[in-house]
Amino acid sequence: MTGREKPWHGVLVATALPLRGPESGALTADFDAYAEHVAWLAANGCDGVTPNGSLGEYQTLSVEERTRVVRTAVDAAPQGFTVMPGVAAYGAAEARRWAENAAELGCPAVMLLPPNSYRADERAVLAHYREVAKAGLPVVAYNNPFDTKVDLVPELLAELYAEGLITAVKEFSGDVRRPYRIAELAPGLDVLCGADDVLLELAVAGAPGWVAGYPNAFPKATTELWAAAAAGDLAKAVPLYRLLHPLLRWDSRTEFVQAIKLSMDIAGRYGGPCRQPRVPLTPEQEKAVRQATERALEEGLS
């Protein structure tokens, strides 16, 4: 699947899933378009994809759809391109089954939220990751305290890492101080950038990878930005970051899926509608996304 020793390094795109049909009716997944999208991201500089994340609307997918998403990504991925599926589920047993499915399909790692059906305590979080680790694949934890109401604080991450349950964490808290504290408590645990609008700050802090949203619409510009930031080339990175930030900050908003899909549509990639319970952007939100996307296109970004 990938030649990198740590396949979660680099720019891994949390892929949007193209859905077709009337917004008021049943939407069907377009797997042919999804396969083309995965290949397109690879051809435009990305290092991998993370299907079945929140951006892929995994919560609304059937078992058959969710399985087919991963298989489609694996089949479309060129040599050396990572497919690291999200395996979040309401229970650890189901999450383990998704991790086992990923292993059967040849994926080199998986990404896992803590329990997300209730506010789990530390013991429940540890038990959750212990169960999924039994699938045998490296696990990248996903810290999203806003959606899960469970914060994988540095001390808890250090416990998970010391027990050998995780190899990295996708950090979405937005707290740019965390990578330094995590490095002190758990040397060797890779802290990946998990929110588009703090990518510069986390790259400077030493993040070896970015699980990203906006490369769905602008893969060349965003991978160029990441490379410059990771290399410490602030003269190149900062102006590009400022130009893209009106878009990147949507990744941390409730409407991030709708916003990224709209940017894709404007940029000439099919984004399309979202399944309920997500609803279309308001006119004001659509205007803001459209203006920021068109400005980036006018600047020659792609």
Protein backbone atom coordinates (compact mmCIF):
# COMPACT_ATOMS: atom_id res chain seq x y z
CA MET A 1 0.00 0.00 0.00
CA THR A 2 2.81 2.41 0.83
CA GLY A 3 6.56 2.38 0.86
CA ARG A 4 6.84 4.84 3.75
CA GLU A 5 7.91 3.37 7.06
CA LYS A 6 5.24 5.47 8.77
CA PRO A 7 2.39 5.70 6.28
CA TRP A 8 0.54 8.33 8.30
CA HIS A 9 3.26 10.88 7.46
CA GLY A 10 2.74 13.50 4.78
CA VAL A 11 -0.51 15.00 3.53
CA LEU A 12 -3.38 12.54 3.91
CA VAL A 13 -6.69 13.86 2.61
CA ALA A 14 -9.85 13.19 4.59
CA THR A 15 -11.83 12.58 1.45
CA ALA A 16 -15.27 13.91 0.69
CA LEU A 17 -17.64 11.33 -0.79
CA PRO A 18 -19.50 12.36 -3.96
CA LEU A 19 -23.24 11.85 -3.54
CA ARG A 20 -25.83 12.34 -6.25
CA GLY A 21 -29.56 12.91 -6.26
CA PRO A 22 -32.06 15.52 -5.07
CA GLU A 23 -31.16 17.20 -1.80
CA SER A 24 -34.63 16.40 -0.46
CA GLY A 25 -34.43 12.73 -1.44
CA ALA A 26 -32.17 9.72 -1.18
CA LEU A 27 -28.59 10.42 -2.23
CA THR A 28 -26.49 7.63 -3.71
CA ALA A 29 -22.71 7.39 -3.54
CA ASP A 30 -20.91 7.74 -6.86
CA PHE A 31 -18.07 5.25 -6.43
CA ASP A 32 -16.68 5.78 -9.92
CA ALA A 33 -16.32 9.50 -9.18
CA TYR A 34 -14.77 8.69 -5.82
CA ALA A 35 -12.17 6.41 -7.42
CA GLU A 36 -11.30 9.16 -9.88
CA HIS A 37 -11.01 11.65 -7.03
CA VAL A 38 -8.57 9.44 -5.11
CA ALA A 39 -6.40 9.01 -8.21
CA TRP A 40 -6.56 12.76 -8.87
CA LEU A 41 -5.38 13.59 -5.35
CA ALA A 42 -2.45 11.22 -5.79
CA ALA A 43 -1.56 12.79 -9.13
CA ASN A 44 -1.63 16.26 -7.59
CA GLY A 45 0.89 15.73 -4.82
CA CYS A 46 -1.02 14.24 -1.89
CA ASP A 47 0.50 11.31 0.02
CA GLY A 48 -2.66 9.42 0.90
CA VAL A 49 -6.32 9.49 1.81
CA THR A 50 -8.35 8.88 4.93
CA PRO A 51 -11.75 7.60 3.78
CA ASN A 52 -14.74 7.20 6.10
CA GLY A 53 -13.92 10.19 8.27
CA SER A 54 -16.39 12.89 9.22
CA LEU A 55 -15.73 14.66 5.93
CA GLY A 56 -16.74 11.43 4.18
CA GLU A 57 -20.05 11.44 6.12
CA TYR A 58 -19.32 7.97 7.49
CA GLN A 59 -22.11 8.22 10.05
CA THR A 60 -24.71 8.22 7.25
CA LEU A 61 -23.31 5.26 5.31
CA SER A 62 -24.63 1.73 5.29
CA VAL A 63 -22.29 -1.16 6.11
CA GLU A 64 -22.10 -2.00 2.42
CA GLU A 65 -21.34 1.60 1.42
CA ARG A 66 -18.71 2.05 4.08
CA THR A 67 -16.95 -1.16 3.07
CA ARG A 68 -17.07 -0.21 -0.60
CA VAL A 69 -15.60 3.25 0.08
CA VAL A 70 -12.43 1.68 1.49
CA ARG A 71 -12.21 -0.94 -1.24
CA THR A 72 -12.65 1.75 -3.90
CA ALA A 73 -9.88 3.87 -2.38
CA VAL A 74 -7.52 0.90 -2.17
CA ASP A 75 -8.18 -0.09 -5.77
CA ALA A 76 -7.67 3.49 -7.00
CA ALA A 77 -4.51 4.17 -4.99
CA PRO A 78 -1.24 4.06 -6.92
CA GLN A 79 1.83 2.36 -5.51
CA GLY A 80 3.15 4.18 -2.44
CA PHE A 81 -0.12 6.04 -1.77
CA THR A 82 -1.57 5.50 1.72
CA VAL A 83 -5.17 4.53 2.42
CA MET A 84 -5.77 4.97 6.16
CA PRO A 85 -9.50 4.57 6.85
CA GLY A 86 -11.39 6.03 9.73
CA VAL A 87 -12.81 3.20 11.85
CA ALA A 88 -14.89 5.19 14.33
CA ALA A 89 -18.06 3.51 15.59
CA TYR A 90 -20.41 3.68 18.54
CA GLY A 91 -18.82 0.65 20.18
CA ALA A 92 -15.33 -0.79 20.36
CA ALA A 93 -16.44 -4.14 18.91
CA GLU A 94 -17.77 -2.46 15.77
CA ALA A 95 -14.71 -0.24 15.48
CA ARG A 96 -12.51 -3.35 15.74
CA ARG A 97 -14.48 -4.99 12.92
CA TRP A 98 -13.85 -1.96 10.71
CA ALA A 99 -10.14 -2.12 11.58
CA GLU A 100 -10.08 -5.82 10.69
CA ASN A 101 -11.80 -5.02 7.41
CA ALA A 102 -9.13 -2.41 6.69
CA ALA A 103 -6.42 -4.98 7.37
CA GLU A 104 -8.08 -7.48 5.04
CA LEU A 105 -8.12 -4.85 2.28
CA GLY A 106 -4.40 -4.15 2.72
CA CYS A 107 -4.50 -0.80 4.53
CA PRO A 108 -1.35 -0.05 6.55
CA ALA A 109 -3.01 1.86 9.42
CA VAL A 110 -6.36 3.16 10.69
CA MET A 111 -7.60 6.31 12.39
CA LEU A 112 -9.76 5.99 15.49
CA LEU A 113 -11.86 8.41 17.52
CA PRO A 114 -12.46 7.67 21.20
CA PRO A 115 -15.94 6.39 22.12
CA ASN A 116 -18.35 8.88 20.58
CA SER A 117 -21.76 7.77 21.81
CA TYR A 118 -21.30 9.19 25.31
CA ARG A 119 -18.78 11.17 27.36
CA ALA A 120 -16.35 8.34 28.10
CA ASP A 121 -14.00 8.45 31.08
CA GLU A 122 -10.31 7.55 30.97
CA ARG A 123 -10.89 3.86 31.71
CA ALA A 124 -13.42 3.57 28.88
CA VAL A 125 -11.06 5.30 26.45
CA LEU A 126 -8.24 2.91 27.30
CA ALA A 127 -10.53 -0.10 26.94
CA HIS A 128 -11.78 1.21 23.58
CA TYR A 129 -8.29 1.53 22.11
CA ARG A 130 -7.19 -1.81 23.59
CA GLU A 131 -10.03 -3.56 21.77
CA VAL A 132 -9.37 -1.97 18.39
CA ALA A 133 -5.61 -2.56 18.70
CA LYS A 134 -6.38 -6.29 18.63
CA ALA A 135 -6.98 -5.95 14.87
CA GLY A 136 -3.21 -5.70 14.51
CA LEU A 137 -2.89 -2.47 12.52
CA PRO A 138 -1.13 0.70 13.72
CA VAL A 139 -3.74 3.05 15.17
CA VAL A 140 -3.70 6.82 14.76
CA ALA A 141 -5.84 8.32 17.50
CA TYR A 142 -8.12 11.19 16.54
CA ASN A 143 -8.62 13.87 19.17
CA ASN A 144 -11.79 15.81 18.41
CA PRO A 145 -13.14 16.98 21.76
CA PHE A 146 -15.79 19.14 20.11
CA ASP A 147 -17.70 16.30 18.45
CA THR A 148 -16.92 13.44 20.85
CA LYS A 149 -16.94 15.41 24.12
CA VAL A 150 -13.87 13.34 25.02
CA ASP A 151 -10.55 15.18 25.12
CA LEU A 152 -7.48 13.06 24.54
CA VAL A 153 -5.30 15.29 26.68
CA PRO A 154 -1.51 14.84 26.54
CA GLU A 155 -1.46 12.77 29.74
CA LEU A 156 -4.04 10.32 28.35
CA LEU A 157 -2.27 10.13 24.99
CA ALA A 158 0.93 9.28 26.85
CA GLU A 159 -0.86 6.36 28.55
CA LEU A 160 -2.20 5.08 25.24
CA TYR A 161 1.23 5.35 23.65
CA ALA A 162 3.09 3.75 26.55
CA GLU A 163 0.78 0.75 26.31
CA GLY A 164 1.50 0.43 22.59
CA LEU A 165 -2.08 1.16 21.56
CA ILE A 166 -1.41 4.14 19.27
CA THR A 167 1.41 5.32 17.03
CA ALA A 168 0.21 8.86 16.32
CA VAL A 169 -2.59 11.31 17.02
CA LYS A 170 -4.55 13.55 14.71
CA GLU A 171 -4.75 16.69 16.86
CA PHE A 172 -7.93 18.70 16.23
CA SER A 173 -8.22 20.61 19.48
CA GLY A 174 -6.81 23.76 17.87
CA ASP A 175 -4.49 24.24 20.86
CA VAL A 176 -1.10 24.83 19.27
CA ARG A 177 0.61 24.37 22.65
CA ARG A 178 -0.28 20.69 22.79
CA PRO A 179 2.40 19.26 20.48
CA TYR A 180 5.12 20.48 22.82
CA ARG A 181 3.50 18.97 25.91
CA ILE A 182 2.81 15.70 24.10
CA ALA A 183 6.44 15.53 23.00
CA GLU A 184 7.53 15.88 26.61
CA LEU A 185 5.19 13.17 27.92
CA ALA A 186 5.30 10.75 24.99
CA PRO A 187 8.52 11.10 22.99
CA GLY A 188 8.10 9.22 19.74
CA LEU A 189 4.34 9.72 19.43
CA ASP A 190 3.69 11.47 16.11
CA VAL A 191 1.44 14.49 16.46
CA LEU A 192 -0.34 15.10 13.16
CA CYS A 193 -2.04 18.33 12.25
CA GLY A 194 -5.76 17.65 12.30
CA ALA A 195 -7.27 21.08 11.65
CA ASP A 196 -6.57 22.97 8.43
CA ASP A 197 -6.51 26.39 10.07
CA VAL A 198 -3.56 25.59 12.37
CA LEU A 199 -1.43 23.72 9.84
CA LEU A 200 1.34 26.32 9.81
CA GLU A 201 1.60 26.37 13.59
CA LEU A 202 1.69 22.57 13.91
CA ALA A 203 4.13 22.17 11.02
CA VAL A 204 6.48 24.59 12.76
CA ALA A 205 6.03 22.55 15.94
CA GLY A 206 7.33 19.51 14.07
CA ALA A 207 4.20 17.67 12.92
CA PRO A 208 5.26 15.00 10.39
CA GLY A 209 1.87 14.90 8.72
CA TRP A 210 -1.47 16.58 8.13
CA VAL A 211 -4.85 14.86 7.90
CA ALA A 212 -6.41 17.50 5.73
CA GLY A 213 -9.71 18.72 4.37
CA TYR A 214 -9.11 21.45 1.83
CA PRO A 215 -6.81 19.48 -0.50
CA ASN A 216 -10.10 18.03 -1.75
CA ALA A 217 -10.47 21.31 -3.65
CA PHE A 218 -6.92 22.69 -3.84
CA PRO A 219 -4.43 19.80 -3.66
CA LYS A 220 -1.47 21.49 -5.36
CA ALA A 221 -1.65 24.71 -3.36
CA THR A 222 -2.21 23.00 -0.02
CA THR A 223 0.55 20.42 -0.46
CA GLU A 224 2.88 23.23 -1.54
CA LEU A 225 1.90 25.13 1.61
CA TRP A 226 2.52 22.09 3.80
CA ALA A 227 5.92 21.41 2.25
CA ALA A 228 7.03 25.00 2.77
CA ALA A 229 5.74 25.10 6.36
CA ALA A 230 7.31 21.76 7.26
CA ALA A 231 10.64 22.91 5.80
CA GLY A 232 10.52 26.12 7.84
CA ASP A 233 10.32 28.25 4.70
CA LEU A 234 8.11 30.90 6.26
CA ALA A 235 8.81 33.43 3.52
CA LYS A 236 6.95 31.12 1.15
CA ALA A 237 4.48 29.57 3.57
CA VAL A 238 3.06 32.62 5.36
CA PRO A 239 1.72 34.53 2.31
CA LEU A 240 0.11 31.35 0.96
CA TYR A 241 -1.32 30.54 4.38
CA ARG A 242 -2.86 34.01 4.64
CA LEU A 243 -4.39 33.67 1.19
CA LEU A 244 -5.91 30.26 1.95
CA HIS A 245 -6.89 30.84 5.56
CA PRO A 246 -10.41 32.18 4.82
CA LEU A 247 -11.05 28.73 3.37
CA LEU A 248 -8.96 26.67 5.81
CA ARG A 249 -10.85 27.98 8.82
CA TRP A 250 -14.05 26.34 7.54
CA ASP A 251 -12.47 22.99 8.44
CA SER A 252 -13.05 23.86 12.10
CA ARG A 253 -16.66 24.91 11.67
CA THR A 254 -19.84 22.87 11.94
CA GLU A 255 -20.51 23.30 8.21
CA PHE A 256 -17.07 22.10 7.08
CA VAL A 257 -18.38 19.30 4.85
CA GLN A 258 -20.78 21.59 3.00
CA ALA A 259 -18.12 24.30 2.65
CA ILE A 260 -15.43 22.00 1.28
CA LYS A 261 -17.86 20.36 -1.13
CA LEU A 262 -18.94 23.79 -2.38
CA SER A 263 -15.32 24.81 -2.92
CA MET A 264 -14.83 21.60 -4.88
CA ASP A 265 -17.78 22.45 -7.11
CA ILE A 266 -16.48 25.96 -7.74
CA ALA A 267 -12.96 24.69 -8.44
CA GLY A 268 -14.25 22.24 -11.04
CA ARG A 269 -14.31 19.11 -8.89
CA TYR A 270 -17.65 17.50 -8.12
CA GLY A 271 -18.49 18.01 -4.46
CA GLY A 272 -22.24 17.79 -4.53
CA PRO A 273 -24.77 17.72 -1.71
CA CYS A 274 -24.59 16.15 1.74
CA ARG A 275 -26.84 13.61 3.36
CA GLN A 276 -29.10 14.63 6.20
CA PRO A 277 -28.86 15.65 8.97
CA ARG A 278 -26.53 18.12 7.25
CA VAL A 279 -28.43 20.91 5.50
CA PRO A 280 -27.25 23.32 2.79
CA LEU A 281 -25.23 26.40 3.70
CA THR A 282 -27.13 29.59 4.38
CA PRO A 283 -26.91 32.26 1.66
CA GLU A 284 -24.43 34.20 3.79
CA GLN A 285 -22.23 31.15 4.35
CA GLU A 286 -22.35 30.20 0.68
CA LYS A 287 -21.35 33.72 -0.30
CA ALA A 288 -18.34 33.67 2.04
CA VAL A 289 -17.13 30.29 0.77
CA ARG A 290 -17.69 31.28 -2.84
CA GLN A 291 -15.80 34.56 -2.51
CA ALA A 292 -12.81 32.94 -0.78
CA THR A 293 -12.70 30.09 -3.30
CA GLU A 294 -12.94 32.40 -6.30
CA ARG A 295 -10.19 34.61 -4.90
CA ALA A 296 -7.89 31.59 -4.56
CA LEU A 297 -8.68 30.56 -8.13
CA GLU A 298 -8.04 34.10 -9.37
CA GLU A 299 -4.60 33.89 -7.74
CA GLY A 300 -3.89 30.82 -9.83
CA LEU A 301 -4.17 28.27 -7.04
CA SER A 302 -5.30 24.75 -7.79
